[in-house]
């Protein structure tokens, strides 16, 4: 993935999405979000850059939903813990949620809820940078190795914290209690889990060990994946960052639509698994 990331700089990603509004491009935006290394901390500069390059608002928001929620680390860790079927379903439903959120937001024509300073940006200004030289193969592998070291260095504290919390759940939380409040029979468990996940802030590497521990105690897979998606896709710090570019009404609509999609995914997972 480190090598793949060298092909998707912010400038190239903007150029791939600029000036496009066909439904295929919502899929393209979601897939680019899934393979690019941009986290929620990059939301505002990417958001402004995309709009300046002529990327429609709905497609930009599709990318912003997919980028943190569909994480390569999450796919691999889910596959290792629960099998490739779960990982593939997580990936597919994440793409669908991102696309539907972007399509709905486009239909609602919400550009008027952008902050004035965003609307006044000269369209295309961010795309006026000089063309970047094509890196050589050794340069790509050097960048990939640097990416590996950066990701491992950034992720390992969250993994250790997640494992510690998971170990506490394994050792001290009664299985009957978890099955009762997060099992399939508790219809309210999915929306409550999403509501709990939104204010939290961690990455998928930190939350998956907790998911694994809760699953071992009898929690339903759909409920757990809805919780995980809400933590990484709708974190409170991301909303605070986005407030610099979006008015509160647009943020509220954005959160409501994405949270509704995640809740539906949770229920669907609980029905099919």
C-alpha atoms as a PDB file:
ATOM      1  CA  UNK A   1       0.000   0.000   0.000  1.00  0.00           C
ATOM      2  CA  UNK A   2       2.963   2.277   0.539  1.00  0.00           C
ATOM      3  CA  UNK A   3       3.828   1.898  -3.148  1.00  0.00           C
ATOM      4  CA  UNK A   4       0.192   2.463  -4.157  1.00  0.00           C
ATOM      5  CA  UNK A   5       0.147   5.676  -2.135  1.00  0.00           C
ATOM      6  CA  UNK A   6       2.959   7.109  -4.279  1.00  0.00           C
ATOM      7  CA  UNK A   7       0.548   7.137  -7.221  1.00  0.00           C
ATOM      8  CA  UNK A   8      -2.121   9.122  -5.336  1.00  0.00           C
ATOM      9  CA  UNK A   9      -0.763  12.477  -4.247  1.00  0.00           C
ATOM     10  CA  UNK A  10      -3.340  15.133  -3.285  1.00  0.00           C
ATOM     11  CA  UNK A  11      -2.694  16.872  -6.612  1.00  0.00           C
ATOM     12  CA  UNK A  12      -3.301  13.712  -8.662  1.00  0.00           C
ATOM     13  CA  UNK A  13      -6.378  12.829  -6.629  1.00  0.00           C
ATOM     14  CA  UNK A  14      -7.822  16.276  -7.256  1.00  0.00           C
ATOM     15  CA  UNK A  15      -7.152  16.011 -10.994  1.00  0.00           C
ATOM     16  CA  UNK A  16      -8.885  12.626 -11.164  1.00  0.00           C
ATOM     17  CA  UNK A  17     -12.049  14.005  -9.571  1.00  0.00           C
ATOM     18  CA  UNK A  18     -12.143  17.590 -10.878  1.00  0.00           C
ATOM     19  CA  UNK A  19     -14.973  18.589 -13.160  1.00  0.00           C
ATOM     20  CA  UNK A  20     -16.764  15.245 -12.856  1.00  0.00           C
ATOM     21  CA  UNK A  21     -20.297  14.692 -11.639  1.00  0.00           C
ATOM     22  CA  UNK A  22     -21.414  11.372 -13.180  1.00  0.00           C
ATOM     23  CA  UNK A  23     -22.443   8.633 -10.780  1.00  0.00           C
ATOM     24  CA  UNK A  24     -19.321   6.648 -11.702  1.00  0.00           C
ATOM     25  CA  UNK A  25     -17.251   9.355 -10.105  1.00  0.00           C
ATOM     26  CA  UNK A  26     -18.902   8.840  -6.723  1.00  0.00           C
ATOM     27  CA  UNK A  27     -17.608   5.273  -6.923  1.00  0.00           C
ATOM     28  CA  UNK A  28     -14.211   6.577  -8.023  1.00  0.00           C
ATOM     29  CA  UNK A  29     -14.152   9.049  -5.117  1.00  0.00           C
ATOM     30  CA  UNK A  30     -15.016   6.305  -2.619  1.00  0.00           C
ATOM     31  CA  UNK A  31     -12.365   3.950  -4.031  1.00  0.00           C
ATOM     32  CA  UNK A  32      -9.744   6.708  -3.995  1.00  0.00           C
ATOM     33  CA  UNK A  33     -10.675   7.403  -0.379  1.00  0.00           C
ATOM     34  CA  UNK A  34     -10.158   3.722   0.401  1.00  0.00           C
ATOM     35  CA  UNK A  35      -6.644   3.519  -1.094  1.00  0.00           C
ATOM     36  CA  UNK A  36      -5.256   6.948  -0.203  1.00  0.00           C
ATOM     37  CA  UNK A  37      -3.512   7.645   3.115  1.00  0.00           C
ATOM     38  CA  UNK A  38      -5.529  10.718   4.068  1.00  0.00           C
ATOM     39  CA  UNK A  39      -7.020  10.707   7.577  1.00  0.00           C
ATOM     40  CA  UNK A  40      -9.606  12.978   9.162  1.00  0.00           C
ATOM     41  CA  UNK A  41      -6.825  15.379  10.199  1.00  0.00           C
ATOM     42  CA  UNK A  42      -6.351  16.164   6.487  1.00  0.00           C
ATOM     43  CA  UNK A  43     -10.030  16.959   5.980  1.00  0.00           C
ATOM     44  CA  UNK A  44      -9.952  20.748   5.700  1.00  0.00           C
ATOM     45  CA  UNK A  45      -6.950  21.238   3.365  1.00  0.00           C
ATOM     46  CA  UNK A  46      -8.186  18.408   1.135  1.00  0.00           C
ATOM     47  CA  UNK A  47     -11.727  19.762   1.203  1.00  0.00           C
ATOM     48  CA  UNK A  48     -10.641  23.253   0.164  1.00  0.00           C
ATOM     49  CA  UNK A  49      -8.225  21.908  -2.446  1.00  0.00           C
ATOM     50  CA  UNK A  50     -10.875  19.667  -3.993  1.00  0.00           C
ATOM     51  CA  UNK A  51     -13.464  22.457  -4.205  1.00  0.00           C
ATOM     52  CA  UNK A  52     -10.880  24.833  -5.667  1.00  0.00           C
ATOM     53  CA  UNK A  53     -10.058  22.259  -8.332  1.00  0.00           C
ATOM     54  CA  UNK A  54     -13.705  22.041  -9.366  1.00  0.00           C
ATOM     55  CA  UNK A  55     -14.654  18.821  -7.573  1.00  0.00           C
ATOM     56  CA  UNK A  56     -18.423  18.910  -6.781  1.00  0.00           C
ATOM     57  CA  UNK A  57     -19.345  19.113  -3.104  1.00  0.00           C
ATOM     58  CA  UNK A  58     -21.078  15.712  -3.009  1.00  0.00           C
ATOM     59  CA  UNK A  59     -18.103  13.919  -4.562  1.00  0.00           C
ATOM     60  CA  UNK A  60     -15.741  15.681  -2.156  1.00  0.00           C
ATOM     61  CA  UNK A  61     -17.828  14.543   0.809  1.00  0.00           C
ATOM     62  CA  UNK A  62     -17.937  10.996  -0.595  1.00  0.00           C
ATOM     63  CA  UNK A  63     -14.140  11.003  -0.517  1.00  0.00           C
ATOM     64  CA  UNK A  64     -14.086  12.417   3.013  1.00  0.00           C
ATOM     65  CA  UNK A  65     -16.422   9.681   4.278  1.00  0.00           C
ATOM     66  CA  UNK A  66     -14.441   6.877   2.629  1.00  0.00           C
ATOM     67  CA  UNK A  67     -10.907   8.050   3.438  1.00  0.00           C
ATOM     68  CA  UNK A  68     -10.945   7.475   7.223  1.00  0.00           C
ATOM     69  CA  UNK A  69     -13.672   4.811   7.346  1.00  0.00           C
ATOM     70  CA  UNK A  70     -12.286   2.340   4.783  1.00  0.00           C
ATOM     71  CA  UNK A  71      -8.773   1.715   5.983  1.00  0.00           C
ATOM     72  CA  UNK A  72      -6.330  -0.838   4.564  1.00  0.00           C
ATOM     73  CA  UNK A  73      -5.157  -1.712   8.067  1.00  0.00           C
ATOM     74  CA  UNK A  74      -8.764  -2.366   9.087  1.00  0.00           C
ATOM     75  CA  UNK A  75      -9.345  -4.684   6.125  1.00  0.00           C
ATOM     76  CA  UNK A  76      -6.253  -6.755   6.882  1.00  0.00           C
ATOM     77  CA  UNK A  77      -6.902  -6.915  10.645  1.00  0.00           C
ATOM     78  CA  UNK A  78     -10.568  -7.834  10.153  1.00  0.00           C
ATOM     79  CA  UNK A  79      -9.552 -10.569   7.718  1.00  0.00           C
ATOM     80  CA  UNK A  80      -6.993 -11.936  10.191  1.00  0.00           C
ATOM     81  CA  UNK A  81      -9.447 -11.944  13.111  1.00  0.00           C
ATOM     82  CA  UNK A  82     -12.788 -12.771  11.487  1.00  0.00           C
ATOM     83  CA  UNK A  83     -12.044 -13.974   7.945  1.00  0.00           C
ATOM     84  CA  UNK A  84     -12.018 -12.396   4.500  1.00  0.00           C
ATOM     85  CA  UNK A  85     -15.813 -12.552   4.170  1.00  0.00           C
ATOM     86  CA  UNK A  86     -16.237 -10.049   7.018  1.00  0.00           C
ATOM     87  CA  UNK A  87     -13.420  -7.870   5.677  1.00  0.00           C
ATOM     88  CA  UNK A  88     -14.908  -7.858   2.153  1.00  0.00           C
ATOM     89  CA  UNK A  89     -18.386  -6.994   3.451  1.00  0.00           C
ATOM     90  CA  UNK A  90     -16.941  -4.189   5.579  1.00  0.00           C
ATOM     91  CA  UNK A  91     -15.138  -2.792   2.519  1.00  0.00           C
ATOM     92  CA  UNK A  92     -18.174  -3.098   0.232  1.00  0.00           C
ATOM     93  CA  UNK A  93     -20.637  -1.564   2.676  1.00  0.00           C
ATOM     94  CA  UNK A  94     -18.182   1.237   3.463  1.00  0.00           C
ATOM     95  CA  UNK A  95     -18.043   2.108  -0.246  1.00  0.00           C
ATOM     96  CA  UNK A  96     -21.850   2.043  -0.465  1.00  0.00           C
ATOM     97  CA  UNK A  97     -22.291   4.299   2.581  1.00  0.00           C
ATOM     98  CA  UNK A  98     -19.787   6.834   1.210  1.00  0.00           C
ATOM     99  CA  UNK A  99     -21.423   6.862  -2.244  1.00  0.00           C
ATOM    100  CA  UNK A 100     -24.980   7.170  -0.942  1.00  0.00           C
ATOM    101  CA  UNK A 101     -23.990   9.955   1.440  1.00  0.00           C
ATOM    102  CA  UNK A 102     -22.392  11.891  -1.419  1.00  0.00           C
ATOM    103  CA  UNK A 103     -25.351  11.340  -3.763  1.00  0.00           C
ATOM    104  CA  UNK A 104     -27.912  12.436  -1.173  1.00  0.00           C
ATOM    105  CA  UNK A 105     -25.905  15.506  -0.220  1.00  0.00           C
ATOM    106  CA  UNK A 106     -25.568  16.436  -3.901  1.00  0.00           C
ATOM    107  CA  UNK A 107     -29.345  16.204  -4.400  1.00  0.00           C
ATOM    108  CA  UNK A 108     -29.871  18.523  -1.434  1.00  0.00           C
ATOM    109  CA  UNK A 109     -27.752  21.286  -3.058  1.00  0.00           C
ATOM    110  CA  UNK A 110     -26.022  22.366   0.133  1.00  0.00           C
ATOM    111  CA  UNK A 111     -23.289  24.584  -1.295  1.00  0.00           C
ATOM    112  CA  UNK A 112     -24.932  27.589   0.392  1.00  0.00           C
ATOM    113  CA  UNK A 113     -23.870  26.131   3.741  1.00  0.00           C
ATOM    114  CA  UNK A 114     -20.176  26.420   2.950  1.00  0.00           C
ATOM    115  CA  UNK A 115     -18.386  29.186   4.827  1.00  0.00           C
ATOM    116  CA  UNK A 116     -18.148  32.412   2.819  1.00  0.00           C
ATOM    117  CA  UNK A 117     -14.370  32.340   2.625  1.00  0.00           C
ATOM    118  CA  UNK A 118     -14.563  28.913   0.985  1.00  0.00           C
ATOM    119  CA  UNK A 119     -17.075  30.138  -1.595  1.00  0.00           C
ATOM    120  CA  UNK A 120     -14.819  33.057  -2.437  1.00  0.00           C
ATOM    121  CA  UNK A 121     -11.797  30.942  -3.271  1.00  0.00           C
ATOM    122  CA  UNK A 122     -10.675  31.324  -6.852  1.00  0.00           C
ATOM    123  CA  UNK A 123     -11.849  28.125  -8.551  1.00  0.00           C
ATOM    124  CA  UNK A 124      -8.932  26.136  -9.786  1.00  0.00           C
ATOM    125  CA  UNK A 125      -6.346  28.040  -7.753  1.00  0.00           C
ATOM    126  CA  UNK A 126      -5.247  24.952  -5.889  1.00  0.00           C
ATOM    127  CA  UNK A 127      -4.765  23.065  -9.136  1.00  0.00           C
ATOM    128  CA  UNK A 128      -2.364  25.633 -10.547  1.00  0.00           C
ATOM    129  CA  UNK A 129       0.720  24.111  -9.028  1.00  0.00           C
ATOM    130  CA  UNK A 130       3.457  23.001 -11.386  1.00  0.00           C
ATOM    131  CA  UNK A 131       3.411  19.431 -12.650  1.00  0.00           C
ATOM    132  CA  UNK A 132       5.230  17.004 -10.454  1.00  0.00           C
ATOM    133  CA  UNK A 133       7.964  14.853 -11.901  1.00  0.00           C
ATOM    134  CA  UNK A 134       7.224  11.153 -12.164  1.00  0.00           C
ATOM    135  CA  UNK A 135       9.133   9.348  -9.392  1.00  0.00           C
ATOM    136  CA  UNK A 136      11.388   6.464 -10.319  1.00  0.00           C
ATOM    137  CA  UNK A 137      10.836   2.919  -9.087  1.00  0.00           C
ATOM    138  CA  UNK A 138      13.552   3.179  -6.388  1.00  0.00           C
ATOM    139  CA  UNK A 139      11.981   6.454  -5.258  1.00  0.00           C
ATOM    140  CA  UNK A 140       8.606   4.732  -4.946  1.00  0.00           C
ATOM    141  CA  UNK A 141      10.054   1.933  -2.825  1.00  0.00           C
ATOM    142  CA  UNK A 142      11.939   4.431  -0.672  1.00  0.00           C
ATOM    143  CA  UNK A 143       8.669   6.325  -0.148  1.00  0.00           C
ATOM    144  CA  UNK A 144       6.873   3.045   0.593  1.00  0.00           C
ATOM    145  CA  UNK A 145       9.429   2.078   3.254  1.00  0.00           C
ATOM    146  CA  UNK A 146       9.169   5.544   4.784  1.00  0.00           C
ATOM    147  CA  UNK A 147       5.384   5.095   4.814  1.00  0.00           C
ATOM    148  CA  UNK A 148       5.712   1.730   6.578  1.00  0.00           C
ATOM    149  CA  UNK A 149       7.892   3.261   9.295  1.00  0.00           C
ATOM    150  CA  UNK A 150       5.540   6.226   9.686  1.00  0.00           C
ATOM    151  CA  UNK A 151       2.416   4.050   9.900  1.00  0.00           C
ATOM    152  CA  UNK A 152       3.963   1.593  12.366  1.00  0.00           C
ATOM    153  CA  UNK A 153       5.266   4.445  14.478  1.00  0.00           C
ATOM    154  CA  UNK A 154       1.895   6.180  14.491  1.00  0.00           C
ATOM    155  CA  UNK A 155      -0.268   3.092  14.965  1.00  0.00           C
ATOM    156  CA  UNK A 156       1.495   0.929  17.557  1.00  0.00           C
ATOM    157  CA  UNK A 157       0.419   2.990  20.634  1.00  0.00           C
ATOM    158  CA  UNK A 158      -3.216   2.668  19.553  1.00  0.00           C
ATOM    159  CA  UNK A 159      -2.786  -1.072  19.005  1.00  0.00           C
ATOM    160  CA  UNK A 160      -1.291  -1.476  22.485  1.00  0.00           C
ATOM    161  CA  UNK A 161      -4.085   0.590  24.051  1.00  0.00           C
ATOM    162  CA  UNK A 162      -6.714  -1.374  22.138  1.00  0.00           C
ATOM    163  CA  UNK A 163      -5.201  -4.683  23.205  1.00  0.00           C
ATOM    164  CA  UNK A 164      -5.088  -3.512  26.835  1.00  0.00           C
ATOM    165  CA  UNK A 165      -8.767  -2.501  26.756  1.00  0.00           C
ATOM    166  CA  UNK A 166      -9.623  -5.744  24.971  1.00  0.00           C
ATOM    167  CA  UNK A 167      -7.771  -7.747  27.609  1.00  0.00           C
ATOM    168  CA  UNK A 168      -9.732  -5.968  30.321  1.00  0.00           C
ATOM    169  CA  UNK A 169     -12.984  -6.805  28.558  1.00  0.00           C
ATOM    170  CA  UNK A 170     -11.906 -10.438  28.201  1.00  0.00           C
ATOM    171  CA  UNK A 171     -11.012 -10.705  31.867  1.00  0.00           C
ATOM    172  CA  UNK A 172     -13.586  -8.626  33.699  1.00  0.00           C
ATOM    173  CA  UNK A 173     -16.737  -8.094  31.588  1.00  0.00           C
ATOM    174  CA  UNK A 174     -19.292 -10.934  31.921  1.00  0.00           C
ATOM    175  CA  UNK A 175     -20.217 -12.531  28.598  1.00  0.00           C
ATOM    176  CA  UNK A 176     -23.893 -12.559  29.520  1.00  0.00           C
ATOM    177  CA  UNK A 177     -23.842  -8.803  30.096  1.00  0.00           C
ATOM    178  CA  UNK A 178     -22.268  -8.024  26.702  1.00  0.00           C
ATOM    179  CA  UNK A 179     -24.571 -10.435  24.869  1.00  0.00           C
ATOM    180  CA  UNK A 180     -27.543  -8.736  26.499  1.00  0.00           C
ATOM    181  CA  UNK A 181     -26.663  -5.147  25.624  1.00  0.00           C
ATOM    182  CA  UNK A 182     -24.894  -5.686  22.234  1.00  0.00           C
ATOM    183  CA  UNK A 183     -26.440  -8.898  20.981  1.00  0.00           C
ATOM    184  CA  UNK A 184     -28.782  -9.244  17.994  1.00  0.00           C
ATOM    185  CA  UNK A 185     -31.846  -9.327  20.243  1.00  0.00           C
ATOM    186  CA  UNK A 186     -31.199  -5.800  21.514  1.00  0.00           C
ATOM    187  CA  UNK A 187     -32.694  -3.765  18.633  1.00  0.00           C
ATOM    188  CA  UNK A 188     -31.452  -0.512  20.143  1.00  0.00           C
ATOM    189  CA  UNK A 189     -27.829  -1.685  20.376  1.00  0.00           C
ATOM    190  CA  UNK A 190     -26.814  -0.500  16.890  1.00  0.00           C
ATOM    191  CA  UNK A 191     -27.917   3.167  17.189  1.00  0.00           C
ATOM    192  CA  UNK A 192     -26.631   3.360  20.763  1.00  0.00           C
ATOM    193  CA  UNK A 193     -23.240   1.981  19.659  1.00  0.00           C
ATOM    194  CA  UNK A 194     -23.061   4.572  16.874  1.00  0.00           C
ATOM    195  CA  UNK A 195     -23.979   7.323  19.333  1.00  0.00           C
ATOM    196  CA  UNK A 196     -21.198   6.182  21.663  1.00  0.00           C
ATOM    197  CA  UNK A 197     -18.674   5.931  18.824  1.00  0.00           C
ATOM    198  CA  UNK A 198     -19.134   9.414  17.362  1.00  0.00           C
ATOM    199  CA  UNK A 199     -17.570  11.416  20.251  1.00  0.00           C
ATOM    200  CA  UNK A 200     -14.621   9.026  20.485  1.00  0.00           C
ATOM    201  CA  UNK A 201     -11.359   9.498  18.626  1.00  0.00           C
ATOM    202  CA  UNK A 202      -9.066   6.679  17.627  1.00  0.00           C
ATOM    203  CA  UNK A 203      -8.065   4.867  14.457  1.00  0.00           C
ATOM    204  CA  UNK A 204      -9.092   1.461  13.183  1.00  0.00           C
ATOM    205  CA  UNK A 205      -5.917  -0.183  14.485  1.00  0.00           C
ATOM    206  CA  UNK A 206      -6.841   0.910  17.989  1.00  0.00           C
ATOM    207  CA  UNK A 207     -10.534   0.027  17.884  1.00  0.00           C
ATOM    208  CA  UNK A 208     -10.348  -3.409  16.206  1.00  0.00           C
ATOM    209  CA  UNK A 209      -8.794  -5.199  19.245  1.00  0.00           C
ATOM    210  CA  UNK A 210     -11.706  -3.839  21.279  1.00  0.00           C
ATOM    211  CA  UNK A 211     -14.131  -5.105  18.627  1.00  0.00           C
ATOM    212  CA  UNK A 212     -12.501  -8.540  18.770  1.00  0.00           C
ATOM    213  CA  UNK A 213     -12.790  -8.672  22.560  1.00  0.00           C
ATOM    214  CA  UNK A 214     -16.449  -7.617  22.532  1.00  0.00           C
ATOM    215  CA  UNK A 215     -17.209 -10.157  19.822  1.00  0.00           C
ATOM    216  CA  UNK A 216     -15.701 -12.874  21.972  1.00  0.00           C
ATOM    217  CA  UNK A 217     -18.092 -11.842  24.748  1.00  0.00           C
ATOM    218  CA  UNK A 218     -21.148 -12.312  22.546  1.00  0.00           C
ATOM    219  CA  UNK A 219     -21.670  -8.895  20.954  1.00  0.00           C
ATOM    220  CA  UNK A 220     -23.220  -8.967  17.461  1.00  0.00           C
ATOM    221  CA  UNK A 221     -20.871  -8.369  14.516  1.00  0.00           C
ATOM    222  CA  UNK A 222     -23.126  -5.763  12.879  1.00  0.00           C
ATOM    223  CA  UNK A 223     -23.329  -3.763  16.093  1.00  0.00           C
ATOM    224  CA  UNK A 224     -19.565  -3.869  16.474  1.00  0.00           C
ATOM    225  CA  UNK A 225     -18.838  -2.828  12.880  1.00  0.00           C
ATOM    226  CA  UNK A 226     -21.327   0.042  13.174  1.00  0.00           C
ATOM    227  CA  UNK A 227     -19.491   1.149  16.324  1.00  0.00           C
ATOM    228  CA  UNK A 228     -16.124   0.912  14.552  1.00  0.00           C
ATOM    229  CA  UNK A 229     -17.322   2.836  11.486  1.00  0.00           C
ATOM    230  CA  UNK A 230     -18.764   5.630  13.625  1.00  0.00           C
ATOM    231  CA  UNK A 231     -15.528   5.982  15.603  1.00  0.00           C
ATOM    232  CA  UNK A 232     -13.329   6.399  12.521  1.00  0.00           C
ATOM    233  CA  UNK A 233     -15.741   8.162  10.119  1.00  0.00           C
ATOM    234  CA  UNK A 234     -17.560  10.599  12.421  1.00  0.00           C
ATOM    235  CA  UNK A 235     -15.091  11.489  15.136  1.00  0.00           C
ATOM    236  CA  UNK A 236     -15.711  14.694  17.077  1.00  0.00           C
ATOM    237  CA  UNK A 237     -12.224  16.121  16.294  1.00  0.00           C
ATOM    238  CA  UNK A 238     -12.953  15.757  12.559  1.00  0.00           C
ATOM    239  CA  UNK A 239     -16.201  17.691  12.967  1.00  0.00           C
ATOM    240  CA  UNK A 240     -14.324  20.450  14.806  1.00  0.00           C
ATOM    241  CA  UNK A 241     -11.810  20.666  11.964  1.00  0.00           C
ATOM    242  CA  UNK A 242     -14.545  20.701   9.325  1.00  0.00           C
ATOM    243  CA  UNK A 243     -16.297  23.537  11.154  1.00  0.00           C
ATOM    244  CA  UNK A 244     -13.648  25.844   9.723  1.00  0.00           C
ATOM    245  CA  UNK A 245     -15.052  25.229   6.242  1.00  0.00           C
ATOM    246  CA  UNK A 246     -18.672  24.134   6.763  1.00  0.00           C
ATOM    247  CA  UNK A 247     -21.554  25.836   8.505  1.00  0.00           C
ATOM    248  CA  UNK A 248     -23.126  23.994  11.407  1.00  0.00           C
ATOM    249  CA  UNK A 249     -26.251  23.045   9.458  1.00  0.00           C
ATOM    250  CA  UNK A 250     -24.215  21.269   6.766  1.00  0.00           C
ATOM    251  CA  UNK A 251     -22.161  19.450   9.404  1.00  0.00           C
ATOM    252  CA  UNK A 252     -25.370  18.333  11.145  1.00  0.00           C
ATOM    253  CA  UNK A 253     -26.856  17.085   7.863  1.00  0.00           C
ATOM    254  CA  UNK A 254     -23.592  15.351   6.937  1.00  0.00           C
ATOM    255  CA  UNK A 255     -23.354  13.580  10.311  1.00  0.00           C
ATOM    256  CA  UNK A 256     -27.023  12.587  10.247  1.00  0.00           C
ATOM    257  CA  UNK A 257     -26.837  11.031   6.781  1.00  0.00           C
ATOM    258  CA  UNK A 258     -23.590   9.149   7.398  1.00  0.00           C
ATOM    259  CA  UNK A 259     -24.727   7.948  10.838  1.00  0.00           C
ATOM    260  CA  UNK A 260     -28.020   6.716   9.360  1.00  0.00           C
ATOM    261  CA  UNK A 261     -26.114   4.791   6.690  1.00  0.00           C
ATOM    262  CA  UNK A 262     -23.830   3.221   9.306  1.00  0.00           C
ATOM    263  CA  UNK A 263     -26.828   2.212  11.449  1.00  0.00           C
ATOM    264  CA  UNK A 264     -28.467   0.541   8.443  1.00  0.00           C
ATOM    265  CA  UNK A 265     -25.224  -1.314   7.702  1.00  0.00           C
ATOM    266  CA  UNK A 266     -25.154  -2.533  11.302  1.00  0.00           C
ATOM    267  CA  UNK A 267     -28.689  -3.915  11.048  1.00  0.00           C
ATOM    268  CA  UNK A 268     -27.956  -5.549   7.675  1.00  0.00           C
ATOM    269  CA  UNK A 269     -24.826  -7.220   9.082  1.00  0.00           C
ATOM    270  CA  UNK A 270     -26.800  -8.533  12.040  1.00  0.00           C
ATOM    271  CA  UNK A 271     -29.408  -9.993   9.672  1.00  0.00           C
ATOM    272  CA  UNK A 272     -27.005 -11.746   7.287  1.00  0.00           C
ATOM    273  CA  UNK A 273     -24.325 -12.929   9.745  1.00  0.00           C
END
